[in-house]
């Protein structure tokens, strides 16, 4: 069965609806998945220009995900009144934030209920999405909480380039206090497991960056490397894992050293995302590792400045869709194989007299 991929539409004032629309103009995608957009297709897509050389993009509008049709474009109604949902490009509003929130919540509920196999999220405005019942700085934090994961990991992927972050959407001034041995160890374990279980790398090789300039310069420019990073790397090395560092971030990326590793773990958001987006902005994908479900997203934001001008590049969203399909198939294949692998015979506990 084709993977059923839910798609939350993001902030309607941004480029989310446009990149979704452009992606699905290619009918070949229906050979890879059954897409399920959470929103009203007429509200989302009717104002976009139609190419006379292409078949018009049509969606099956349904009330619930249980009614979706395999191999077709589906849209699930999740807004109370379509008349109140306005797509005004470049002008975020309380209504566009509420619509983004409702789309995400509906898709997440159906994913948890097993009606979907994976989720691709279009960009939201973190500020515009806040509400009394939604106090999360981003998709990653919401989904981590919603699916009951103790920790998750923001992992940026583009072909063989993979960059993850220990800390995410927090102020830079709070990073040193948040960076503990326990947190670093938890994130490294998630990364190791994801590289092995999601990407099929049997013995992953990971580089960890330093927090300070020149990775602390032996304590002259900071002590976090010696006090936090190095002990954790040594602990994992003693367990047989290939974890190395800490590396000075500038030289590490500048010399192309990242090409020698299966993944790079940065210690804070911009340390990892700036070089990643410099190297792979158009094709990069954000994957949330450590969840019991598959979730990906494009590596860009709402781009209000170009919304409504039909200038948005859909490549990153399309790559996010492809990666979600690949990860779902890989997990499904692994789930089918594991019961066939002989394990140790169950112990006979006997009966106590």
C-alpha atoms as a PDB file:
ATOM      1  CA  UNK A   1       0.000   0.000   0.000  1.00  0.00           C
ATOM      2  CA  UNK A   2       1.241   3.484  -0.836  1.00  0.00           C
ATOM      3  CA  UNK A   3       2.317   5.505   2.225  1.00  0.00           C
ATOM      4  CA  UNK A   4      -0.456   7.817   3.424  1.00  0.00           C
ATOM      5  CA  UNK A   5       1.303  11.127   4.000  1.00  0.00           C
ATOM      6  CA  UNK A   6      -0.529  13.847   5.908  1.00  0.00           C
ATOM      7  CA  UNK A   7       0.320  17.446   5.047  1.00  0.00           C
ATOM      8  CA  UNK A   8      -0.331  20.346   7.398  1.00  0.00           C
ATOM      9  CA  UNK A   9      -0.620  23.550   5.384  1.00  0.00           C
ATOM     10  CA  UNK A  10       1.281  25.975   7.628  1.00  0.00           C
ATOM     11  CA  UNK A  11       0.487  29.679   7.828  1.00  0.00           C
ATOM     12  CA  UNK A  12      -1.854  30.546   4.955  1.00  0.00           C
ATOM     13  CA  UNK A  13      -0.201  33.951   4.606  1.00  0.00           C
ATOM     14  CA  UNK A  14       3.124  32.290   3.810  1.00  0.00           C
ATOM     15  CA  UNK A  15       4.331  30.135   0.931  1.00  0.00           C
ATOM     16  CA  UNK A  16       3.091  26.822   2.375  1.00  0.00           C
ATOM     17  CA  UNK A  17       0.013  26.492   0.144  1.00  0.00           C
ATOM     18  CA  UNK A  18       2.069  27.496  -2.905  1.00  0.00           C
ATOM     19  CA  UNK A  19       4.845  24.931  -2.443  1.00  0.00           C
ATOM     20  CA  UNK A  20       2.244  22.223  -1.746  1.00  0.00           C
ATOM     21  CA  UNK A  21       0.345  23.168  -4.897  1.00  0.00           C
ATOM     22  CA  UNK A  22       3.468  23.265  -7.081  1.00  0.00           C
ATOM     23  CA  UNK A  23       4.686  19.939  -5.719  1.00  0.00           C
ATOM     24  CA  UNK A  24       1.486  18.092  -6.559  1.00  0.00           C
ATOM     25  CA  UNK A  25       1.218  19.511 -10.067  1.00  0.00           C
ATOM     26  CA  UNK A  26       3.501  16.593 -10.900  1.00  0.00           C
ATOM     27  CA  UNK A  27       1.122  13.606 -11.182  1.00  0.00           C
ATOM     28  CA  UNK A  28       4.025  11.151 -10.824  1.00  0.00           C
ATOM     29  CA  UNK A  29       4.036  11.780  -7.077  1.00  0.00           C
ATOM     30  CA  UNK A  30       0.871   9.717  -6.809  1.00  0.00           C
ATOM     31  CA  UNK A  31       3.032   6.690  -7.617  1.00  0.00           C
ATOM     32  CA  UNK A  32       4.999   7.312  -4.391  1.00  0.00           C
ATOM     33  CA  UNK A  33       2.304   8.167  -1.874  1.00  0.00           C
ATOM     34  CA  UNK A  34      -1.296   9.006  -1.118  1.00  0.00           C
ATOM     35  CA  UNK A  35      -1.207  12.700  -0.108  1.00  0.00           C
ATOM     36  CA  UNK A  36      -3.681  13.978   2.472  1.00  0.00           C
ATOM     37  CA  UNK A  37      -3.785  17.773   2.808  1.00  0.00           C
ATOM     38  CA  UNK A  38      -5.411  19.102   5.988  1.00  0.00           C
ATOM     39  CA  UNK A  39      -7.533  22.024   4.888  1.00  0.00           C
ATOM     40  CA  UNK A  40     -10.126  22.933   2.281  1.00  0.00           C
ATOM     41  CA  UNK A  41      -8.639  22.561  -1.185  1.00  0.00           C
ATOM     42  CA  UNK A  42     -10.768  25.346  -2.710  1.00  0.00           C
ATOM     43  CA  UNK A  43      -9.589  27.834  -0.082  1.00  0.00           C
ATOM     44  CA  UNK A  44      -5.971  26.768  -0.432  1.00  0.00           C
ATOM     45  CA  UNK A  45      -5.461  26.377  -4.152  1.00  0.00           C
ATOM     46  CA  UNK A  46      -8.204  27.913  -6.296  1.00  0.00           C
ATOM     47  CA  UNK A  47      -6.468  31.283  -6.640  1.00  0.00           C
ATOM     48  CA  UNK A  48      -3.231  29.853  -8.019  1.00  0.00           C
ATOM     49  CA  UNK A  49      -2.631  30.198 -11.779  1.00  0.00           C
ATOM     50  CA  UNK A  50      -3.433  27.111 -13.829  1.00  0.00           C
ATOM     51  CA  UNK A  51      -0.996  25.927 -16.483  1.00  0.00           C
ATOM     52  CA  UNK A  52      -2.960  25.180 -19.684  1.00  0.00           C
ATOM     53  CA  UNK A  53      -0.423  22.499 -20.584  1.00  0.00           C
ATOM     54  CA  UNK A  54      -1.032  20.552 -17.368  1.00  0.00           C
ATOM     55  CA  UNK A  55      -3.972  18.645 -16.003  1.00  0.00           C
ATOM     56  CA  UNK A  56      -5.810  20.755 -13.404  1.00  0.00           C
ATOM     57  CA  UNK A  57      -5.018  19.771  -9.822  1.00  0.00           C
ATOM     58  CA  UNK A  58      -8.107  18.207  -8.261  1.00  0.00           C
ATOM     59  CA  UNK A  59      -8.575  17.054  -4.659  1.00  0.00           C
ATOM     60  CA  UNK A  60     -11.120  14.733  -3.101  1.00  0.00           C
ATOM     61  CA  UNK A  61     -12.526  16.747  -0.199  1.00  0.00           C
ATOM     62  CA  UNK A  62     -13.495  14.433   2.670  1.00  0.00           C
ATOM     63  CA  UNK A  63     -14.665  14.941   6.225  1.00  0.00           C
ATOM     64  CA  UNK A  64     -12.241  12.495   7.812  1.00  0.00           C
ATOM     65  CA  UNK A  65      -9.082  10.602   6.951  1.00  0.00           C
ATOM     66  CA  UNK A  66     -10.876   7.251   7.096  1.00  0.00           C
ATOM     67  CA  UNK A  67     -12.494   8.193   3.757  1.00  0.00           C
ATOM     68  CA  UNK A  68      -9.358   8.999   1.761  1.00  0.00           C
ATOM     69  CA  UNK A  69      -8.826   7.271  -1.590  1.00  0.00           C
ATOM     70  CA  UNK A  70      -5.484   5.535  -2.208  1.00  0.00           C
ATOM     71  CA  UNK A  71      -3.436   7.001  -5.048  1.00  0.00           C
ATOM     72  CA  UNK A  72      -5.521  10.196  -5.230  1.00  0.00           C
ATOM     73  CA  UNK A  73      -5.096  13.777  -4.027  1.00  0.00           C
ATOM     74  CA  UNK A  74      -7.105  14.015  -0.813  1.00  0.00           C
ATOM     75  CA  UNK A  75      -8.025  16.958   1.402  1.00  0.00           C
ATOM     76  CA  UNK A  76      -9.499  16.582   4.882  1.00  0.00           C
ATOM     77  CA  UNK A  77     -11.820  19.306   6.157  1.00  0.00           C
ATOM     78  CA  UNK A  78     -10.491  20.640   9.463  1.00  0.00           C
ATOM     79  CA  UNK A  79     -11.802  24.212   9.605  1.00  0.00           C
ATOM     80  CA  UNK A  80     -15.182  25.042  11.108  1.00  0.00           C
ATOM     81  CA  UNK A  81     -16.231  27.655   8.539  1.00  0.00           C
ATOM     82  CA  UNK A  82     -14.429  28.158   5.253  1.00  0.00           C
ATOM     83  CA  UNK A  83     -15.871  31.653   4.960  1.00  0.00           C
ATOM     84  CA  UNK A  84     -13.754  32.673   7.956  1.00  0.00           C
ATOM     85  CA  UNK A  85     -10.546  31.227   6.483  1.00  0.00           C
ATOM     86  CA  UNK A  86      -8.862  33.745   4.236  1.00  0.00           C
ATOM     87  CA  UNK A  87      -5.681  33.270   2.230  1.00  0.00           C
ATOM     88  CA  UNK A  88      -4.087  36.714   2.200  1.00  0.00           C
ATOM     89  CA  UNK A  89      -0.493  36.294   1.015  1.00  0.00           C
ATOM     90  CA  UNK A  90       2.129  38.156   3.011  1.00  0.00           C
ATOM     91  CA  UNK A  91      -0.305  39.313   5.706  1.00  0.00           C
ATOM     92  CA  UNK A  92      -0.279  36.970   8.723  1.00  0.00           C
ATOM     93  CA  UNK A  93      -3.275  37.297  10.997  1.00  0.00           C
ATOM     94  CA  UNK A  94      -4.924  35.629  13.945  1.00  0.00           C
ATOM     95  CA  UNK A  95      -7.105  33.730  11.456  1.00  0.00           C
ATOM     96  CA  UNK A  96      -4.147  32.407   9.453  1.00  0.00           C
ATOM     97  CA  UNK A  97      -2.409  31.342  12.666  1.00  0.00           C
ATOM     98  CA  UNK A  98      -5.541  29.571  13.883  1.00  0.00           C
ATOM     99  CA  UNK A  99      -5.945  27.785  10.544  1.00  0.00           C
ATOM    100  CA  UNK A 100      -2.326  26.589  10.707  1.00  0.00           C
ATOM    101  CA  UNK A 101      -2.851  25.337  14.248  1.00  0.00           C
ATOM    102  CA  UNK A 102      -6.049  23.461  13.364  1.00  0.00           C
ATOM    103  CA  UNK A 103      -4.417  21.856  10.314  1.00  0.00           C
ATOM    104  CA  UNK A 104      -1.452  20.642  12.351  1.00  0.00           C
ATOM    105  CA  UNK A 105      -3.569  19.344  15.247  1.00  0.00           C
ATOM    106  CA  UNK A 106      -5.933  17.446  12.936  1.00  0.00           C
ATOM    107  CA  UNK A 107      -3.071  15.835  11.028  1.00  0.00           C
ATOM    108  CA  UNK A 108      -1.242  14.911  14.244  1.00  0.00           C
ATOM    109  CA  UNK A 109      -4.367  13.305  15.712  1.00  0.00           C
ATOM    110  CA  UNK A 110      -4.896  11.197  12.592  1.00  0.00           C
ATOM    111  CA  UNK A 111      -1.228  10.203  12.548  1.00  0.00           C
ATOM    112  CA  UNK A 112      -1.483   9.054  16.166  1.00  0.00           C
ATOM    113  CA  UNK A 113      -4.674   7.148  15.363  1.00  0.00           C
ATOM    114  CA  UNK A 114      -2.912   5.207  12.593  1.00  0.00           C
ATOM    115  CA  UNK A 115      -4.929   6.788   9.760  1.00  0.00           C
ATOM    116  CA  UNK A 116      -1.690   8.218   8.313  1.00  0.00           C
ATOM    117  CA  UNK A 117       1.776   6.747   7.911  1.00  0.00           C
ATOM    118  CA  UNK A 118       3.781   9.973   8.015  1.00  0.00           C
ATOM    119  CA  UNK A 119       3.507  13.756   8.231  1.00  0.00           C
ATOM    120  CA  UNK A 120       5.009  16.634   6.237  1.00  0.00           C
ATOM    121  CA  UNK A 121       4.544  20.070   7.801  1.00  0.00           C
ATOM    122  CA  UNK A 122       4.532  23.294   5.803  1.00  0.00           C
ATOM    123  CA  UNK A 123       6.084  26.339   7.535  1.00  0.00           C
ATOM    124  CA  UNK A 124       4.321  28.114  10.393  1.00  0.00           C
ATOM    125  CA  UNK A 125       5.039  31.426  12.063  1.00  0.00           C
ATOM    126  CA  UNK A 126       6.090  30.492  15.582  1.00  0.00           C
ATOM    127  CA  UNK A 127       4.771  33.814  16.896  1.00  0.00           C
ATOM    128  CA  UNK A 128       1.526  33.776  14.931  1.00  0.00           C
ATOM    129  CA  UNK A 129       0.652  30.197  15.919  1.00  0.00           C
ATOM    130  CA  UNK A 130       0.675  30.774  19.689  1.00  0.00           C
ATOM    131  CA  UNK A 131      -2.603  30.364  21.575  1.00  0.00           C
ATOM    132  CA  UNK A 132      -3.799  29.489  25.059  1.00  0.00           C
ATOM    133  CA  UNK A 133      -3.839  25.807  24.126  1.00  0.00           C
ATOM    134  CA  UNK A 134      -0.692  25.908  21.954  1.00  0.00           C
ATOM    135  CA  UNK A 135       2.453  27.169  23.704  1.00  0.00           C
ATOM    136  CA  UNK A 136       5.220  25.600  21.652  1.00  0.00           C
ATOM    137  CA  UNK A 137       8.119  27.376  19.928  1.00  0.00           C
ATOM    138  CA  UNK A 138       7.824  25.153  16.865  1.00  0.00           C
ATOM    139  CA  UNK A 139       6.641  21.941  15.232  1.00  0.00           C
ATOM    140  CA  UNK A 140       9.431  19.887  16.797  1.00  0.00           C
ATOM    141  CA  UNK A 141       8.519  20.755  20.373  1.00  0.00           C
ATOM    142  CA  UNK A 142       4.791  20.259  19.788  1.00  0.00           C
ATOM    143  CA  UNK A 143       5.187  16.858  18.129  1.00  0.00           C
ATOM    144  CA  UNK A 144       7.655  15.690  20.781  1.00  0.00           C
ATOM    145  CA  UNK A 145       5.075  16.464  23.447  1.00  0.00           C
ATOM    146  CA  UNK A 146       2.084  15.196  21.466  1.00  0.00           C
ATOM    147  CA  UNK A 147       3.653  11.798  20.797  1.00  0.00           C
ATOM    148  CA  UNK A 148       5.032  11.423  24.314  1.00  0.00           C
ATOM    149  CA  UNK A 149       8.720  11.310  23.404  1.00  0.00           C
ATOM    150  CA  UNK A 150      11.124  12.128  26.221  1.00  0.00           C
ATOM    151  CA  UNK A 151      13.523  13.768  23.771  1.00  0.00           C
ATOM    152  CA  UNK A 152      13.665  14.330  20.026  1.00  0.00           C
ATOM    153  CA  UNK A 153      16.290  15.646  17.655  1.00  0.00           C
ATOM    154  CA  UNK A 154      16.189  18.210  14.860  1.00  0.00           C
ATOM    155  CA  UNK A 155      18.057  16.495  12.015  1.00  0.00           C
ATOM    156  CA  UNK A 156      18.647  18.366   8.746  1.00  0.00           C
ATOM    157  CA  UNK A 157      19.131  16.074   5.742  1.00  0.00           C
ATOM    158  CA  UNK A 158      20.275  16.652   2.161  1.00  0.00           C
ATOM    159  CA  UNK A 159      21.579  13.584   0.331  1.00  0.00           C
ATOM    160  CA  UNK A 160      24.611  12.459   2.389  1.00  0.00           C
ATOM    161  CA  UNK A 161      24.790  15.692   4.421  1.00  0.00           C
ATOM    162  CA  UNK A 162      23.181  15.371   7.859  1.00  0.00           C
ATOM    163  CA  UNK A 163      23.381  18.029  10.585  1.00  0.00           C
ATOM    164  CA  UNK A 164      21.591  17.788  13.942  1.00  0.00           C
ATOM    165  CA  UNK A 165      21.318  20.199  16.880  1.00  0.00           C
ATOM    166  CA  UNK A 166      21.483  19.541  20.626  1.00  0.00           C
ATOM    167  CA  UNK A 167      19.513  22.643  21.593  1.00  0.00           C
ATOM    168  CA  UNK A 168      16.817  24.078  19.348  1.00  0.00           C
ATOM    169  CA  UNK A 169      14.542  27.077  19.567  1.00  0.00           C
ATOM    170  CA  UNK A 170      15.970  28.756  22.654  1.00  0.00           C
ATOM    171  CA  UNK A 171      17.822  32.082  23.101  1.00  0.00           C
ATOM    172  CA  UNK A 172      21.560  31.867  22.542  1.00  0.00           C
ATOM    173  CA  UNK A 173      22.267  33.169  26.050  1.00  0.00           C
ATOM    174  CA  UNK A 174      20.513  30.085  27.494  1.00  0.00           C
ATOM    175  CA  UNK A 175      22.529  27.505  25.541  1.00  0.00           C
ATOM    176  CA  UNK A 176      25.498  27.042  27.964  1.00  0.00           C
ATOM    177  CA  UNK A 177      23.216  26.358  30.934  1.00  0.00           C
ATOM    178  CA  UNK A 178      21.046  23.963  28.910  1.00  0.00           C
ATOM    179  CA  UNK A 179      24.054  22.044  27.595  1.00  0.00           C
ATOM    180  CA  UNK A 180      24.536  19.243  30.099  1.00  0.00           C
ATOM    181  CA  UNK A 181      26.195  15.841  29.836  1.00  0.00           C
ATOM    182  CA  UNK A 182      22.791  14.189  30.180  1.00  0.00           C
ATOM    183  CA  UNK A 183      21.245  16.196  27.342  1.00  0.00           C
ATOM    184  CA  UNK A 184      24.220  15.707  25.021  1.00  0.00           C
ATOM    185  CA  UNK A 185      24.259  11.976  25.698  1.00  0.00           C
ATOM    186  CA  UNK A 186      20.511  11.688  25.047  1.00  0.00           C
ATOM    187  CA  UNK A 187      20.776  13.557  21.744  1.00  0.00           C
ATOM    188  CA  UNK A 188      23.743  11.491  20.589  1.00  0.00           C
ATOM    189  CA  UNK A 189      21.906   8.274  21.366  1.00  0.00           C
ATOM    190  CA  UNK A 190      18.900   9.440  19.346  1.00  0.00           C
ATOM    191  CA  UNK A 191      21.180  10.369  16.452  1.00  0.00           C
ATOM    192  CA  UNK A 192      23.009   7.039  16.564  1.00  0.00           C
ATOM    193  CA  UNK A 193      19.719   5.129  16.628  1.00  0.00           C
ATOM    194  CA  UNK A 194      18.205   7.180  13.798  1.00  0.00           C
ATOM    195  CA  UNK A 195      21.223   6.778  11.528  1.00  0.00           C
ATOM    196  CA  UNK A 196      21.088   3.037  12.089  1.00  0.00           C
ATOM    197  CA  UNK A 197      17.329   2.419  12.111  1.00  0.00           C
ATOM    198  CA  UNK A 198      16.083   5.111   9.709  1.00  0.00           C
ATOM    199  CA  UNK A 199      18.993   5.471   7.300  1.00  0.00           C
ATOM    200  CA  UNK A 200      20.421   1.946   7.405  1.00  0.00           C
ATOM    201  CA  UNK A 201      23.949   2.935   8.515  1.00  0.00           C
ATOM    202  CA  UNK A 202      25.162  -0.034  10.551  1.00  0.00           C
ATOM    203  CA  UNK A 203      28.098   1.715  12.264  1.00  0.00           C
ATOM    204  CA  UNK A 204      27.476   5.480  12.169  1.00  0.00           C
ATOM    205  CA  UNK A 205      30.385   7.888  12.414  1.00  0.00           C
ATOM    206  CA  UNK A 206      29.455  11.164  14.122  1.00  0.00           C
ATOM    207  CA  UNK A 207      31.316  14.429  14.647  1.00  0.00           C
ATOM    208  CA  UNK A 208      30.385  16.806  17.488  1.00  0.00           C
ATOM    209  CA  UNK A 209      31.178  20.511  17.306  1.00  0.00           C
ATOM    210  CA  UNK A 210      32.564  22.642  20.100  1.00  0.00           C
ATOM    211  CA  UNK A 211      30.530  25.388  21.738  1.00  0.00           C
ATOM    212  CA  UNK A 212      33.194  28.096  21.844  1.00  0.00           C
ATOM    213  CA  UNK A 213      35.496  29.594  19.198  1.00  0.00           C
ATOM    214  CA  UNK A 214      38.288  27.149  18.318  1.00  0.00           C
ATOM    215  CA  UNK A 215      36.462  24.555  20.462  1.00  0.00           C
ATOM    216  CA  UNK A 216      37.557  26.387  23.597  1.00  0.00           C
ATOM    217  CA  UNK A 217      41.291  26.546  22.735  1.00  0.00           C
ATOM    218  CA  UNK A 218      42.152  24.144  25.570  1.00  0.00           C
ATOM    219  CA  UNK A 219      40.153  26.134  28.100  1.00  0.00           C
ATOM    220  CA  UNK A 220      41.376  29.578  27.098  1.00  0.00           C
ATOM    221  CA  UNK A 221      38.108  30.486  25.340  1.00  0.00           C
ATOM    222  CA  UNK A 222      35.683  28.329  27.305  1.00  0.00           C
ATOM    223  CA  UNK A 223      35.420  25.178  29.383  1.00  0.00           C
ATOM    224  CA  UNK A 224      32.277  23.471  28.067  1.00  0.00           C
ATOM    225  CA  UNK A 225      34.275  21.307  25.660  1.00  0.00           C
ATOM    226  CA  UNK A 226      36.431  19.796  28.406  1.00  0.00           C
ATOM    227  CA  UNK A 227      33.711  19.671  31.056  1.00  0.00           C
ATOM    228  CA  UNK A 228      30.755  18.427  28.984  1.00  0.00           C
ATOM    229  CA  UNK A 229      31.521  17.380  25.418  1.00  0.00           C
ATOM    230  CA  UNK A 230      34.718  15.348  25.725  1.00  0.00           C
ATOM    231  CA  UNK A 231      33.565  13.159  28.664  1.00  0.00           C
ATOM    232  CA  UNK A 232      30.371  12.190  26.810  1.00  0.00           C
ATOM    233  CA  UNK A 233      32.291  11.337  23.635  1.00  0.00           C
ATOM    234  CA  UNK A 234      34.729   9.221  25.623  1.00  0.00           C
ATOM    235  CA  UNK A 235      31.861   7.395  27.332  1.00  0.00           C
ATOM    236  CA  UNK A 236      30.302   6.481  23.978  1.00  0.00           C
ATOM    237  CA  UNK A 237      33.675   5.526  22.486  1.00  0.00           C
ATOM    238  CA  UNK A 238      34.199   3.094  25.344  1.00  0.00           C
ATOM    239  CA  UNK A 239      30.892   1.487  24.343  1.00  0.00           C
ATOM    240  CA  UNK A 240      32.158   1.035  20.785  1.00  0.00           C
ATOM    241  CA  UNK A 241      30.508   4.031  19.113  1.00  0.00           C
ATOM    242  CA  UNK A 242      32.310   6.165  16.524  1.00  0.00           C
ATOM    243  CA  UNK A 243      31.834   9.617  18.068  1.00  0.00           C
ATOM    244  CA  UNK A 244      34.540  12.246  17.618  1.00  0.00           C
ATOM    245  CA  UNK A 245      35.254  15.860  18.530  1.00  0.00           C
ATOM    246  CA  UNK A 246      34.787  18.476  19.690  1.00  0.00           C
ATOM    247  CA  UNK A 247      35.671  20.232  16.420  1.00  0.00           C
ATOM    248  CA  UNK A 248      35.890  24.000  15.835  1.00  0.00           C
ATOM    249  CA  UNK A 249      32.812  24.691  13.725  1.00  0.00           C
ATOM    250  CA  UNK A 250      34.355  27.185  11.314  1.00  0.00           C
ATOM    251  CA  UNK A 251      37.262  25.051  10.165  1.00  0.00           C
ATOM    252  CA  UNK A 252      35.178  21.887  10.252  1.00  0.00           C
ATOM    253  CA  UNK A 253      32.767  23.147   7.613  1.00  0.00           C
ATOM    254  CA  UNK A 254      35.252  25.405   5.833  1.00  0.00           C
ATOM    255  CA  UNK A 255      37.623  22.555   5.020  1.00  0.00           C
ATOM    256  CA  UNK A 256      34.877  20.094   4.090  1.00  0.00           C
ATOM    257  CA  UNK A 257      35.683  17.843   7.047  1.00  0.00           C
ATOM    258  CA  UNK A 258      31.950  17.137   7.427  1.00  0.00           C
ATOM    259  CA  UNK A 259      32.192  14.901   4.354  1.00  0.00           C
ATOM    260  CA  UNK A 260      34.128  12.330   6.404  1.00  0.00           C
ATOM    261  CA  UNK A 261      31.191  11.688   8.766  1.00  0.00           C
ATOM    262  CA  UNK A 262      27.704  10.245   8.518  1.00  0.00           C
ATOM    263  CA  UNK A 263      26.331  13.124  10.592  1.00  0.00           C
ATOM    264  CA  UNK A 264      27.404  16.242  12.445  1.00  0.00           C
ATOM    265  CA  UNK A 265      25.973  17.246  15.823  1.00  0.00           C
ATOM    266  CA  UNK A 266      25.979  20.992  16.465  1.00  0.00           C
ATOM    267  CA  UNK A 267      25.365  22.348  19.943  1.00  0.00           C
ATOM    268  CA  UNK A 268      22.931  25.148  19.125  1.00  0.00           C
ATOM    269  CA  UNK A 269      20.511  26.099  16.372  1.00  0.00           C
ATOM    270  CA  UNK A 270      22.428  28.544  14.168  1.00  0.00           C
ATOM    271  CA  UNK A 271      25.740  26.713  14.557  1.00  0.00           C
ATOM    272  CA  UNK A 272      24.269  23.843  12.577  1.00  0.00           C
ATOM    273  CA  UNK A 273      21.599  25.453  10.431  1.00  0.00           C
ATOM    274  CA  UNK A 274      23.695  28.273   8.943  1.00  0.00           C
ATOM    275  CA  UNK A 275      26.275  25.978   7.318  1.00  0.00           C
ATOM    276  CA  UNK A 276      23.615  23.430   6.384  1.00  0.00           C
ATOM    277  CA  UNK A 277      21.447  25.981   4.609  1.00  0.00           C
ATOM    278  CA  UNK A 278      24.488  27.527   2.950  1.00  0.00           C
ATOM    279  CA  UNK A 279      25.402  24.137   1.509  1.00  0.00           C
ATOM    280  CA  UNK A 280      21.932  22.744   0.764  1.00  0.00           C
ATOM    281  CA  UNK A 281      19.190  25.340   1.180  1.00  0.00           C
ATOM    282  CA  UNK A 282      17.027  24.452  -1.824  1.00  0.00           C
ATOM    283  CA  UNK A 283      17.028  20.696  -1.237  1.00  0.00           C
ATOM    284  CA  UNK A 284      17.365  20.476   2.556  1.00  0.00           C
ATOM    285  CA  UNK A 285      14.823  18.641   4.714  1.00  0.00           C
ATOM    286  CA  UNK A 286      14.139  18.890   8.436  1.00  0.00           C
ATOM    287  CA  UNK A 287      13.489  15.464   9.993  1.00  0.00           C
ATOM    288  CA  UNK A 288      12.435  15.007  13.616  1.00  0.00           C
ATOM    289  CA  UNK A 289      14.394  11.999  14.845  1.00  0.00           C
ATOM    290  CA  UNK A 290      13.443  10.181  18.037  1.00  0.00           C
ATOM    291  CA  UNK A 291       9.668  10.136  17.492  1.00  0.00           C
ATOM    292  CA  UNK A 292       7.617   6.963  17.109  1.00  0.00           C
ATOM    293  CA  UNK A 293       6.292   8.462  13.842  1.00  0.00           C
ATOM    294  CA  UNK A 294       7.812   9.968  10.695  1.00  0.00           C
ATOM    295  CA  UNK A 295       7.712  13.746  10.386  1.00  0.00           C
ATOM    296  CA  UNK A 296       9.580  15.910   7.874  1.00  0.00           C
ATOM    297  CA  UNK A 297       9.372  19.517   6.700  1.00  0.00           C
ATOM    298  CA  UNK A 298      11.110  21.846   4.254  1.00  0.00           C
ATOM    299  CA  UNK A 299      14.104  23.668   5.703  1.00  0.00           C
ATOM    300  CA  UNK A 300      12.703  27.173   5.061  1.00  0.00           C
ATOM    301  CA  UNK A 301      10.188  29.417   6.770  1.00  0.00           C
ATOM    302  CA  UNK A 302       6.967  31.152   5.767  1.00  0.00           C
ATOM    303  CA  UNK A 303       8.734  33.631   3.421  1.00  0.00           C
ATOM    304  CA  UNK A 304       5.987  36.243   3.762  1.00  0.00           C
ATOM    305  CA  UNK A 305       8.000  38.599   1.534  1.00  0.00           C
ATOM    306  CA  UNK A 306       7.410  36.536  -1.599  1.00  0.00           C
ATOM    307  CA  UNK A 307       4.067  34.950  -0.692  1.00  0.00           C
ATOM    308  CA  UNK A 308       1.425  35.369  -3.386  1.00  0.00           C
ATOM    309  CA  UNK A 309       3.953  36.151  -6.113  1.00  0.00           C
ATOM    310  CA  UNK A 310       4.282  32.550  -7.302  1.00  0.00           C
ATOM    311  CA  UNK A 311       8.067  32.773  -6.921  1.00  0.00           C
ATOM    312  CA  UNK A 312       8.530  30.158  -4.174  1.00  0.00           C
ATOM    313  CA  UNK A 313      10.770  27.182  -4.934  1.00  0.00           C
ATOM    314  CA  UNK A 314       9.034  23.928  -4.005  1.00  0.00           C
ATOM    315  CA  UNK A 315      12.194  21.764  -4.130  1.00  0.00           C
ATOM    316  CA  UNK A 316      12.674  21.524  -0.369  1.00  0.00           C
ATOM    317  CA  UNK A 317       9.023  20.621   0.216  1.00  0.00           C
ATOM    318  CA  UNK A 318       9.158  17.966  -2.495  1.00  0.00           C
ATOM    319  CA  UNK A 319      12.337  16.529  -0.959  1.00  0.00           C
ATOM    320  CA  UNK A 320      10.596  16.476   2.436  1.00  0.00           C
ATOM    321  CA  UNK A 321       7.774  14.474   0.883  1.00  0.00           C
ATOM    322  CA  UNK A 322      10.208  12.034  -0.758  1.00  0.00           C
ATOM    323  CA  UNK A 323      12.118  11.537   2.494  1.00  0.00           C
ATOM    324  CA  UNK A 324       8.912  10.926   4.447  1.00  0.00           C
ATOM    325  CA  UNK A 325       7.912   8.247   1.926  1.00  0.00           C
ATOM    326  CA  UNK A 326      11.351   6.607   2.085  1.00  0.00           C
ATOM    327  CA  UNK A 327      11.422   6.542   5.881  1.00  0.00           C
ATOM    328  CA  UNK A 328       7.898   5.146   6.117  1.00  0.00           C
ATOM    329  CA  UNK A 329       8.729   2.379   3.637  1.00  0.00           C
ATOM    330  CA  UNK A 330      11.971   1.588   5.453  1.00  0.00           C
ATOM    331  CA  UNK A 331      10.224   1.339   8.815  1.00  0.00           C
ATOM    332  CA  UNK A 332       7.453  -0.797   7.349  1.00  0.00           C
ATOM    333  CA  UNK A 333       9.981  -3.138   5.731  1.00  0.00           C
ATOM    334  CA  UNK A 334      11.914  -3.456   8.981  1.00  0.00           C
ATOM    335  CA  UNK A 335       8.707  -4.185  10.885  1.00  0.00           C
ATOM    336  CA  UNK A 336       7.912  -6.997   8.432  1.00  0.00           C
ATOM    337  CA  UNK A 337      11.430  -8.468   8.556  1.00  0.00           C
ATOM    338  CA  UNK A 338      11.983  -8.481  12.323  1.00  0.00           C
ATOM    339  CA  UNK A 339       9.340 -11.139  13.146  1.00  0.00           C
ATOM    340  CA  UNK A 340      11.025 -13.420  10.609  1.00  0.00           C
ATOM    341  CA  UNK A 341      14.439 -13.200  12.290  1.00  0.00           C
ATOM    342  CA  UNK A 342      14.899 -16.020  14.799  1.00  0.00           C
ATOM    343  CA  UNK A 343      15.531 -14.830  18.316  1.00  0.00           C
ATOM    344  CA  UNK A 344      16.517 -16.577  21.507  1.00  0.00           C
ATOM    345  CA  UNK A 345      14.052 -19.156  22.703  1.00  0.00           C
ATOM    346  CA  UNK A 346      11.795 -17.846  25.474  1.00  0.00           C
ATOM    347  CA  UNK A 347      12.858 -18.962  28.913  1.00  0.00           C
ATOM    348  CA  UNK A 348      10.646 -21.510  30.646  1.00  0.00           C
ATOM    349  CA  UNK A 349       9.855 -19.829  33.917  1.00  0.00           C
ATOM    350  CA  UNK A 350       8.265 -23.028  35.229  1.00  0.00           C
ATOM    351  CA  UNK A 351       5.873 -22.967  38.137  1.00  0.00           C
ATOM    352  CA  UNK A 352       6.798 -22.316  41.710  1.00  0.00           C
ATOM    353  CA  UNK A 353       5.566 -24.961  44.067  1.00  0.00           C
END
